[in-house]
Amino acid sequence: MGEFAPKFAELNDDVLFGQVWAREKELSLRDRSFLTVTALITKGAFEQLSYHMQTAKANGITKEEIAEMITQLAFYVGWPNAWSAFNIAKEVWGD
């Protein structure tokens, strides 16, 4: 992305992931992952979801927690969004 949109890449790397995600005193990485995955499922932003689910797993979100999160969201953001999210979660948490 840096060659095509250098300022966007800079903001993404330096501000979002460099500054915002580093604010662990205000909100843990685990909680940030939980919120980010929820927001992406809600928006149907499935292209970014795999990366953030992998990050959520690394930040301590368990298979049981992600399954419960998606099940809860299904009733609020739609069955198709949940179904798509489960397919990605199965890839990330599948053993």
PDB file of N, CA and C in Angstrom:
ATOM      1  N   MET A   1       0.830  -1.198   0.000  1.00  0.00           N
ATOM      2  CA  MET A   1       0.000   0.000   0.000  1.00  0.00           C
ATOM      3  C   MET A   1       0.870   1.256   0.000  1.00  0.00           C
ATOM      4  N   GLY A   2       2.068   1.139   0.558  1.00  0.00           N
ATOM      5  CA  GLY A   2       2.922   2.311   0.715  1.00  0.00           C
ATOM      6  C   GLY A   2       3.268   3.028  -0.567  1.00  0.00           C
ATOM      7  N   GLU A   3       3.497   2.292  -1.645  1.00  0.00           N
ATOM      8  CA  GLU A   3       3.838   2.931  -2.913  1.00  0.00           C
ATOM      9  C   GLU A   3       2.628   3.621  -3.526  1.00  0.00           C
ATOM     10  N   PHE A   4       1.453   3.029  -3.394  1.00  0.00           N
ATOM     11  CA  PHE A   4       0.249   3.577  -4.007  1.00  0.00           C
ATOM     12  C   PHE A   4      -0.320   4.734  -3.189  1.00  0.00           C
ATOM     13  N   ALA A   5      -0.365   4.568  -1.871  1.00  0.00           N
ATOM     14  CA  ALA A   5      -0.936   5.589  -0.985  1.00  0.00           C
ATOM     15  C   ALA A   5      -0.037   5.745   0.240  1.00  0.00           C
ATOM     16  N   PRO A   6       1.093   6.423   0.076  1.00  0.00           N
ATOM     17  CA  PRO A   6       2.068   6.494   1.164  1.00  0.00           C
ATOM     18  C   PRO A   6       1.544   7.139   2.449  1.00  0.00           C
ATOM     19  N   LYS A   7       0.737   8.171   2.347  1.00  0.00           N
ATOM     20  CA  LYS A   7       0.224   8.819   3.561  1.00  0.00           C
ATOM     21  C   LYS A   7      -0.728   7.885   4.300  1.00  0.00           C
ATOM     22  N   PHE A   8      -1.586   7.203   3.568  1.00  0.00           N
ATOM     23  CA  PHE A   8      -2.498   6.240   4.192  1.00  0.00           C
ATOM     24  C   PHE A   8      -1.698   5.145   4.895  1.00  0.00           C
ATOM     25  N   ALA A   9      -0.676   4.627   4.224  1.00  0.00           N
ATOM     26  CA  ALA A   9       0.164   3.581   4.819  1.00  0.00           C
ATOM     27  C   ALA A   9       0.862   4.094   6.070  1.00  0.00           C
ATOM     28  N   GLU A  10       1.314   5.318   6.021  1.00  0.00           N
ATOM     29  CA  GLU A  10       1.963   5.930   7.188  1.00  0.00           C
ATOM     30  C   GLU A  10       0.987   6.039   8.357  1.00  0.00           C
ATOM     31  N   LEU A  11      -0.219   6.523   8.093  1.00  0.00           N
ATOM     32  CA  LEU A  11      -1.224   6.637   9.152  1.00  0.00           C
ATOM     33  C   LEU A  11      -1.587   5.264   9.720  1.00  0.00           C
ATOM     34  N   ASN A  12      -1.726   4.297   8.838  1.00  0.00           N
ATOM     35  CA  ASN A  12      -2.046   2.937   9.263  1.00  0.00           C
ATOM     36  C   ASN A  12      -0.945   2.385  10.174  1.00  0.00           C
ATOM     37  N   ASP A  13       0.285   2.499   9.715  1.00  0.00           N
ATOM     38  CA  ASP A  13       1.400   1.898  10.447  1.00  0.00           C
ATOM     39  C   ASP A  13       1.780   2.687  11.696  1.00  0.00           C
ATOM     40  N   ASP A  14       1.887   4.004  11.551  1.00  0.00           N
ATOM     41  CA  ASP A  14       2.403   4.820  12.649  1.00  0.00           C
ATOM     42  C   ASP A  14       1.330   5.237  13.655  1.00  0.00           C
ATOM     43  N   VAL A  15       0.156   5.596  13.160  1.00  0.00           N
ATOM     44  CA  VAL A  15      -0.880   6.085  14.069  1.00  0.00           C
ATOM     45  C   VAL A  15      -1.730   4.932  14.584  1.00  0.00           C
ATOM     46  N   LEU A  16      -2.404   4.218  13.681  1.00  0.00           N
ATOM     47  CA  LEU A  16      -3.307   3.156  14.128  1.00  0.00           C
ATOM     48  C   LEU A  16      -2.551   2.058  14.873  1.00  0.00           C
ATOM     49  N   PHE A  17      -1.605   1.420  14.186  1.00  0.00           N
ATOM     50  CA  PHE A  17      -0.911   0.295  14.819  1.00  0.00           C
ATOM     51  C   PHE A  17       0.250   0.736  15.699  1.00  0.00           C
ATOM     52  N   GLY A  18       0.822   1.897  15.422  1.00  0.00           N
ATOM     53  CA  GLY A  18       1.938   2.375  16.228  1.00  0.00           C
ATOM     54  C   GLY A  18       1.527   3.090  17.492  1.00  0.00           C
ATOM     55  N   GLN A  19       0.478   3.910  17.430  1.00  0.00           N
ATOM     56  CA  GLN A  19       0.081   4.698  18.591  1.00  0.00           C
ATOM     57  C   GLN A  19      -1.182   4.157  19.272  1.00  0.00           C
ATOM     58  N   VAL A  20      -2.243   3.975  18.509  1.00  0.00           N
ATOM     59  CA  VAL A  20      -3.520   3.579  19.117  1.00  0.00           C
ATOM     60  C   VAL A  20      -3.430   2.192  19.743  1.00  0.00           C
ATOM     61  N   TRP A  21      -2.957   1.217  18.981  1.00  0.00           N
ATOM     62  CA  TRP A  21      -2.870  -0.145  19.513  1.00  0.00           C
ATOM     63  C   TRP A  21      -1.859  -0.240  20.654  1.00  0.00           C
ATOM     64  N   ALA A  22      -0.938   0.696  20.758  1.00  0.00           N
ATOM     65  CA  ALA A  22       0.073   0.680  21.815  1.00  0.00           C
ATOM     66  C   ALA A  22      -0.451   1.208  23.146  1.00  0.00           C
ATOM     67  N   ARG A  23      -1.647   1.738  23.163  1.00  0.00           N
ATOM     68  CA  ARG A  23      -2.212   2.327  24.386  1.00  0.00           C
ATOM     69  C   ARG A  23      -2.797   1.236  25.290  1.00  0.00           C
ATOM     70  N   GLU A  24      -1.958   0.328  25.727  1.00  0.00           N
ATOM     71  CA  GLU A  24      -2.403  -0.819  26.514  1.00  0.00           C
ATOM     72  C   GLU A  24      -2.847  -0.440  27.925  1.00  0.00           C
ATOM     73  N   LYS A  25      -2.379   0.689  28.427  1.00  0.00           N
ATOM     74  CA  LYS A  25      -2.829   1.150  29.751  1.00  0.00           C
ATOM     75  C   LYS A  25      -4.319   1.494  29.700  1.00  0.00           C
ATOM     76  N   GLU A  26      -4.750   2.071  28.586  1.00  0.00           N
ATOM     77  CA  GLU A  26      -6.142   2.481  28.439  1.00  0.00           C
ATOM     78  C   GLU A  26      -7.052   1.310  28.065  1.00  0.00           C
ATOM     79  N   LEU A  27      -6.540   0.381  27.248  1.00  0.00           N
ATOM     80  CA  LEU A  27      -7.328  -0.763  26.794  1.00  0.00           C
ATOM     81  C   LEU A  27      -6.355  -1.863  26.372  1.00  0.00           C
ATOM     82  N   SER A  28      -6.541  -3.045  26.902  1.00  0.00           N
ATOM     83  CA  SER A  28      -5.610  -4.139  26.611  1.00  0.00           C
ATOM     84  C   SER A  28      -5.671  -4.548  25.138  1.00  0.00           C
ATOM     85  N   LEU A  29      -4.613  -5.201  24.683  1.00  0.00           N
ATOM     86  CA  LEU A  29      -4.596  -5.721  23.310  1.00  0.00           C
ATOM     87  C   LEU A  29      -5.731  -6.719  23.097  1.00  0.00           C
ATOM     88  N   ARG A  30      -6.008  -7.526  24.110  1.00  0.00           N
ATOM     89  CA  ARG A  30      -7.099  -8.503  24.034  1.00  0.00           C
ATOM     90  C   ARG A  30      -8.434  -7.798  23.810  1.00  0.00           C
ATOM     91  N   ASP A  31      -8.681  -6.758  24.587  1.00  0.00           N
ATOM     92  CA  ASP A  31      -9.935  -6.011  24.439  1.00  0.00           C
ATOM     93  C   ASP A  31      -9.999  -5.279  23.097  1.00  0.00           C
ATOM     94  N   ARG A  32      -8.881  -4.725  22.666  1.00  0.00           N
ATOM     95  CA  ARG A  32      -8.857  -4.062  21.355  1.00  0.00           C
ATOM     96  C   ARG A  32      -9.166  -5.061  20.244  1.00  0.00           C
ATOM     97  N   SER A  33      -8.609  -6.262  20.349  1.00  0.00           N
ATOM     98  CA  SER A  33      -8.900  -7.297  19.355  1.00  0.00           C
ATOM     99  C   SER A  33     -10.372  -7.672  19.372  1.00  0.00           C
ATOM    100  N   PHE A  34     -10.932  -7.842  20.553  1.00  0.00           N
ATOM    101  CA  PHE A  34     -12.346  -8.196  20.683  1.00  0.00           C
ATOM    102  C   PHE A  34     -13.225  -7.141  20.007  1.00  0.00           C
ATOM    103  N   LEU A  35     -12.925  -5.883  20.281  1.00  0.00           N
ATOM    104  CA  LEU A  35     -13.694  -4.784  19.685  1.00  0.00           C
ATOM    105  C   LEU A  35     -13.504  -4.696  18.178  1.00  0.00           C
ATOM    106  N   THR A  36     -12.276  -4.859  17.726  1.00  0.00           N
ATOM    107  CA  THR A  36     -11.986  -4.749  16.302  1.00  0.00           C
ATOM    108  C   THR A  36     -12.666  -5.855  15.516  1.00  0.00           C
ATOM    109  N   VAL A  37     -12.573  -7.093  16.004  1.00  0.00           N
ATOM    110  CA  VAL A  37     -13.229  -8.212  15.325  1.00  0.00           C
ATOM    111  C   VAL A  37     -14.740  -7.986  15.290  1.00  0.00           C
ATOM    112  N   THR A  38     -15.310  -7.539  16.385  1.00  0.00           N
ATOM    113  CA  THR A  38     -16.746  -7.257  16.429  1.00  0.00           C
ATOM    114  C   THR A  38     -17.130  -6.201  15.395  1.00  0.00           C
ATOM    115  N   ALA A  39     -16.351  -5.135  15.329  1.00  0.00           N
ATOM    116  CA  ALA A  39     -16.653  -4.062  14.374  1.00  0.00           C
ATOM    117  C   ALA A  39     -16.556  -4.554  12.935  1.00  0.00           C
ATOM    118  N   LEU A  40     -15.533  -5.349  12.631  1.00  0.00           N
ATOM    119  CA  LEU A  40     -15.364  -5.845  11.262  1.00  0.00           C
ATOM    120  C   LEU A  40     -16.499  -6.784  10.864  1.00  0.00           C
ATOM    121  N   ILE A  41     -16.930  -7.645  11.782  1.00  0.00           N
ATOM    122  CA  ILE A  41     -18.065  -8.532  11.491  1.00  0.00           C
ATOM    123  C   ILE A  41     -19.315  -7.699  11.258  1.00  0.00           C
ATOM    124  N   THR A  42     -19.528  -6.705  12.096  1.00  0.00           N
ATOM    125  CA  THR A  42     -20.707  -5.843  11.981  1.00  0.00           C
ATOM    126  C   THR A  42     -20.753  -5.148  10.630  1.00  0.00           C
ATOM    127  N   LYS A  43     -19.601  -4.666  10.170  1.00  0.00           N
ATOM    128  CA  LYS A  43     -19.533  -3.965   8.888  1.00  0.00           C
ATOM    129  C   LYS A  43     -19.507  -4.917   7.695  1.00  0.00           C
ATOM    130  N   GLY A  44     -19.260  -6.197   7.955  1.00  0.00           N
ATOM    131  CA  GLY A  44     -19.096  -7.127   6.842  1.00  0.00           C
ATOM    132  C   GLY A  44     -17.764  -6.942   6.145  1.00  0.00           C
ATOM    133  N   ALA A  45     -16.758  -6.478   6.890  1.00  0.00           N
ATOM    134  CA  ALA A  45     -15.424  -6.231   6.331  1.00  0.00           C
ATOM    135  C   ALA A  45     -14.588  -7.501   6.446  1.00  0.00           C
ATOM    136  N   PHE A  46     -14.958  -8.505   5.665  1.00  0.00           N
ATOM    137  CA  PHE A  46     -14.361  -9.828   5.807  1.00  0.00           C
ATOM    138  C   PHE A  46     -12.949  -9.914   5.237  1.00  0.00           C
ATOM    139  N   GLU A  47     -12.579  -9.015   4.348  1.00  0.00           N
ATOM    140  CA  GLU A  47     -11.223  -9.035   3.802  1.00  0.00           C
ATOM    141  C   GLU A  47     -10.192  -8.764   4.897  1.00  0.00           C
ATOM    142  N   GLN A  48     -10.520  -7.903   5.841  1.00  0.00           N
ATOM    143  CA  GLN A  48      -9.611  -7.577   6.935  1.00  0.00           C
ATOM    144  C   GLN A  48      -9.779  -8.519   8.127  1.00  0.00           C
ATOM    145  N   LEU A  49     -10.852  -9.297   8.156  1.00  0.00           N
ATOM    146  CA  LEU A  49     -11.193 -10.082   9.341  1.00  0.00           C
ATOM    147  C   LEU A  49     -10.194 -11.190   9.651  1.00  0.00           C
ATOM    148  N   SER A  50      -9.680 -11.864   8.661  1.00  0.00           N
ATOM    149  CA  SER A  50      -8.746 -12.958   8.909  1.00  0.00           C
ATOM    150  C   SER A  50      -7.522 -12.476   9.688  1.00  0.00           C
ATOM    151  N   TYR A  51      -6.930 -11.392   9.243  1.00  0.00           N
ATOM    152  CA  TYR A  51      -5.761 -10.830   9.938  1.00  0.00           C
ATOM    153  C   TYR A  51      -6.105 -10.502  11.386  1.00  0.00           C
ATOM    154  N   HIS A  52      -7.233  -9.854  11.586  1.00  0.00           N
ATOM    155  CA  HIS A  52      -7.591  -9.424  12.936  1.00  0.00           C
ATOM    156  C   HIS A  52      -8.032 -10.594  13.816  1.00  0.00           C
ATOM    157  N   MET A  53      -8.572 -11.646  13.224  1.00  0.00           N
ATOM    158  CA  MET A  53      -8.870 -12.841  14.016  1.00  0.00           C
ATOM    159  C   MET A  53      -7.573 -13.530  14.435  1.00  0.00           C
ATOM    160  N   GLN A  54      -6.587 -13.564  13.554  1.00  0.00           N
ATOM    161  CA  GLN A  54      -5.287 -14.134  13.922  1.00  0.00           C
ATOM    162  C   GLN A  54      -4.653 -13.324  15.052  1.00  0.00           C
ATOM    163  N   THR A  55      -4.781 -12.015  14.960  1.00  0.00           N
ATOM    164  CA  THR A  55      -4.271 -11.141  16.016  1.00  0.00           C
ATOM    165  C   THR A  55      -5.042 -11.375  17.313  1.00  0.00           C
ATOM    166  N   ALA A  56      -6.361 -11.534  17.214  1.00  0.00           N
ATOM    167  CA  ALA A  56      -7.182 -11.791  18.401  1.00  0.00           C
ATOM    168  C   ALA A  56      -6.763 -13.091  19.075  1.00  0.00           C
ATOM    169  N   LYS A  57      -6.512 -14.102  18.283  1.00  0.00           N
ATOM    170  CA  LYS A  57      -6.057 -15.387  18.831  1.00  0.00           C
ATOM    171  C   LYS A  57      -4.723 -15.191  19.548  1.00  0.00           C
ATOM    172  N   ALA A  58      -3.802 -14.488  18.919  1.00  0.00           N
ATOM    173  CA  ALA A  58      -2.497 -14.213  19.540  1.00  0.00           C
ATOM    174  C   ALA A  58      -2.633 -13.377  20.807  1.00  0.00           C
ATOM    175  N   ASN A  59      -3.688 -12.569  20.862  1.00  0.00           N
ATOM    176  CA  ASN A  59      -3.926 -11.711  22.029  1.00  0.00           C
ATOM    177  C   ASN A  59      -4.790 -12.389  23.092  1.00  0.00           C
ATOM    178  N   GLY A  60      -5.044 -13.697  22.927  1.00  0.00           N
ATOM    179  CA  GLY A  60      -5.693 -14.455  23.991  1.00  0.00           C
ATOM    180  C   GLY A  60      -7.161 -14.776  23.832  1.00  0.00           C
ATOM    181  N   ILE A  61      -7.785 -14.392  22.715  1.00  0.00           N
ATOM    182  CA  ILE A  61      -9.189 -14.745  22.501  1.00  0.00           C
ATOM    183  C   ILE A  61      -9.242 -16.238  22.172  1.00  0.00           C
ATOM    184  N   THR A  62     -10.063 -16.978  22.901  1.00  0.00           N
ATOM    185  CA  THR A  62     -10.133 -18.421  22.711  1.00  0.00           C
ATOM    186  C   THR A  62     -11.158 -18.791  21.634  1.00  0.00           C
ATOM    187  N   LYS A  63     -11.065 -20.033  21.206  1.00  0.00           N
ATOM    188  CA  LYS A  63     -12.023 -20.582  20.233  1.00  0.00           C
ATOM    189  C   LYS A  63     -13.448 -20.473  20.779  1.00  0.00           C
ATOM    190  N   GLU A  64     -13.622 -20.790  22.043  1.00  0.00           N
ATOM    191  CA  GLU A  64     -14.951 -20.726  22.662  1.00  0.00           C
ATOM    192  C   GLU A  64     -15.470 -19.291  22.721  1.00  0.00           C
ATOM    193  N   GLU A  65     -14.589 -18.358  23.011  1.00  0.00           N
ATOM    194  CA  GLU A  65     -14.997 -16.953  23.079  1.00  0.00           C
ATOM    195  C   GLU A  65     -15.372 -16.413  21.705  1.00  0.00           C
ATOM    196  N   ILE A  66     -14.587 -16.739  20.672  1.00  0.00           N
ATOM    197  CA  ILE A  66     -14.905 -16.234  19.333  1.00  0.00           C
ATOM    198  C   ILE A  66     -16.220 -16.826  18.850  1.00  0.00           C
ATOM    199  N   ALA A  67     -16.462 -18.103  19.160  1.00  0.00           N
ATOM    200  CA  ALA A  67     -17.722 -18.740  18.765  1.00  0.00           C
ATOM    201  C   ALA A  67     -18.900 -18.079  19.467  1.00  0.00           C
ATOM    202  N   GLU A  68     -18.740 -17.773  20.732  1.00  0.00           N
ATOM    203  CA  GLU A  68     -19.822 -17.109  21.479  1.00  0.00           C
ATOM    204  C   GLU A  68     -20.042 -15.687  20.975  1.00  0.00           C
ATOM    205  N   MET A  69     -18.941 -14.984  20.671  1.00  0.00           N
ATOM    206  CA  MET A  69     -19.046 -13.623  20.138  1.00  0.00           C
ATOM    207  C   MET A  69     -19.838 -13.617  18.843  1.00  0.00           C
ATOM    208  N   ILE A  70     -19.487 -14.512  17.934  1.00  0.00           N
ATOM    209  CA  ILE A  70     -20.149 -14.540  16.628  1.00  0.00           C
ATOM    210  C   ILE A  70     -21.606 -14.963  16.775  1.00  0.00           C
ATOM    211  N   THR A  71     -21.881 -15.913  17.652  1.00  0.00           N
ATOM    212  CA  THR A  71     -23.262 -16.334  17.881  1.00  0.00           C
ATOM    213  C   THR A  71     -24.095 -15.169  18.392  1.00  0.00           C
ATOM    214  N   GLN A  72     -23.574 -14.414  19.339  1.00  0.00           N
ATOM    215  CA  GLN A  72     -24.278 -13.238  19.872  1.00  0.00           C
ATOM    216  C   GLN A  72     -24.524 -12.214  18.760  1.00  0.00           C
ATOM    217  N   LEU A  73     -23.484 -11.954  17.973  1.00  0.00           N
ATOM    218  CA  LEU A  73     -23.599 -10.953  16.911  1.00  0.00           C
ATOM    219  C   LEU A  73     -24.599 -11.352  15.837  1.00  0.00           C
ATOM    220  N   ALA A  74     -24.775 -12.645  15.615  1.00  0.00           N
ATOM    221  CA  ALA A  74     -25.679 -13.112  14.560  1.00  0.00           C
ATOM    222  C   ALA A  74     -27.068 -12.504  14.701  1.00  0.00           C
ATOM    223  N   PHE A  75     -27.524 -12.339  15.914  1.00  0.00           N
ATOM    224  CA  PHE A  75     -28.870 -11.816  16.159  1.00  0.00           C
ATOM    225  C   PHE A  75     -28.960 -10.303  15.997  1.00  0.00           C
ATOM    226  N   TYR A  76     -27.826  -9.630  15.997  1.00  0.00           N
ATOM    227  CA  TYR A  76     -27.813  -8.176  15.902  1.00  0.00           C
ATOM    228  C   TYR A  76     -27.329  -7.660  14.558  1.00  0.00           C
ATOM    229  N   VAL A  77     -26.441  -8.400  13.895  1.00  0.00           N
ATOM    230  CA  VAL A  77     -25.865  -7.903  12.643  1.00  0.00           C
ATOM    231  C   VAL A  77     -26.182  -8.778  11.445  1.00  0.00           C
ATOM    232  N   GLY A  78     -26.867  -9.888  11.686  1.00  0.00           N
ATOM    233  CA  GLY A  78     -27.321 -10.713  10.574  1.00  0.00           C
ATOM    234  C   GLY A  78     -26.648 -12.064  10.498  1.00  0.00           C
ATOM    235  N   TRP A  79     -27.461 -13.041  10.119  1.00  0.00           N
ATOM    236  CA  TRP A  79     -27.004 -14.420   9.997  1.00  0.00           C
ATOM    237  C   TRP A  79     -25.914 -14.575   8.949  1.00  0.00           C
ATOM    238  N   PRO A  80     -26.043 -13.946   7.764  1.00  0.00           N
ATOM    239  CA  PRO A  80     -24.994 -14.088   6.754  1.00  0.00           C
ATOM    240  C   PRO A  80     -23.636 -13.558   7.231  1.00  0.00           C
ATOM    241  N   ASN A  81     -23.626 -12.447   7.959  1.00  0.00           N
ATOM    242  CA  ASN A  81     -22.353 -11.938   8.490  1.00  0.00           C
ATOM    243  C   ASN A  81     -21.748 -12.937   9.472  1.00  0.00           C
ATOM    244  N   ALA A  82     -22.595 -13.521  10.317  1.00  0.00           N
ATOM    245  CA  ALA A  82     -22.104 -14.505  11.278  1.00  0.00           C
ATOM    246  C   ALA A  82     -21.571 -15.743  10.557  1.00  0.00           C
ATOM    247  N   TRP A  83     -22.300 -16.197   9.570  1.00  0.00           N
ATOM    248  CA  TRP A  83     -21.879 -17.388   8.821  1.00  0.00           C
ATOM    249  C   TRP A  83     -20.508 -17.157   8.192  1.00  0.00           C
ATOM    250  N   SER A  84     -20.339 -16.008   7.566  1.00  0.00           N
ATOM    251  CA  SER A  84     -19.054 -15.674   6.943  1.00  0.00           C
ATOM    252  C   SER A  84     -17.948 -15.580   7.991  1.00  0.00           C
ATOM    253  N   ALA A  85     -18.255 -14.970   9.120  1.00  0.00           N
ATOM    254  CA  ALA A  85     -17.262 -14.841  10.189  1.00  0.00           C
ATOM    255  C   ALA A  85     -16.875 -16.213  10.739  1.00  0.00           C
ATOM    256  N   PHE A  86     -17.848 -17.115  10.886  1.00  0.00           N
ATOM    257  CA  PHE A  86     -17.537 -18.459  11.365  1.00  0.00           C
ATOM    258  C   PHE A  86     -16.599 -19.188  10.406  1.00  0.00           C
ATOM    259  N   ASN A  87     -16.791 -19.006   9.125  1.00  0.00           N
ATOM    260  CA  ASN A  87     -15.900 -19.649   8.157  1.00  0.00           C
ATOM    261  C   ASN A  87     -14.458 -19.189   8.328  1.00  0.00           C
ATOM    262  N   ILE A  88     -14.276 -17.910   8.603  1.00  0.00           N
ATOM    263  CA  ILE A  88     -12.924 -17.387   8.822  1.00  0.00           C
ATOM    264  C   ILE A  88     -12.387 -17.871  10.172  1.00  0.00           C
ATOM    265  N   ALA A  89     -13.235 -17.846  11.191  1.00  0.00           N
ATOM    266  CA  ALA A  89     -12.816 -18.290  12.525  1.00  0.00           C
ATOM    267  C   ALA A  89     -12.388 -19.757  12.514  1.00  0.00           C
ATOM    268  N   LYS A  90     -13.080 -20.577  11.745  1.00  0.00           N
ATOM    269  CA  LYS A  90     -12.718 -21.997  11.659  1.00  0.00           C
ATOM    270  C   LYS A  90     -11.308 -22.159  11.091  1.00  0.00           C
ATOM    271  N   GLU A  91     -10.937 -21.317  10.146  1.00  0.00           N
ATOM    272  CA  GLU A  91      -9.589 -21.368   9.574  1.00  0.00           C
ATOM    273  C   GLU A  91      -8.541 -20.955  10.611  1.00  0.00           C
ATOM    274  N   VAL A  92      -8.868 -19.948  11.400  1.00  0.00           N
ATOM    275  CA  VAL A  92      -7.904 -19.410  12.358  1.00  0.00           C
ATOM    276  C   VAL A  92      -7.778 -20.301  13.589  1.00  0.00           C
ATOM    277  N   TRP A  93      -8.914 -20.752  14.142  1.00  0.00           N
ATOM    278  CA  TRP A  93      -8.883 -21.528  15.378  1.00  0.00           C
ATOM    279  C   TRP A  93      -8.942 -23.030  15.136  1.00  0.00           C
ATOM    280  N   GLY A  94      -9.101 -23.455  13.894  1.00  0.00           N
ATOM    281  CA  GLY A  94      -9.151 -24.884  13.601  1.00  0.00           C
ATOM    282  C   GLY A  94      -7.829 -25.555  13.931  1.00  0.00           C
ATOM    283  N   ASP A  95      -7.923 -26.652  14.606  1.00  0.00           N
ATOM    284  CA  ASP A  95      -6.684 -27.346  15.020  1.00  0.00           C
ATOM    285  C   ASP A  95      -6.472 -28.615  14.244  1.00  0.00           C
TER     286      ASP A  95
END
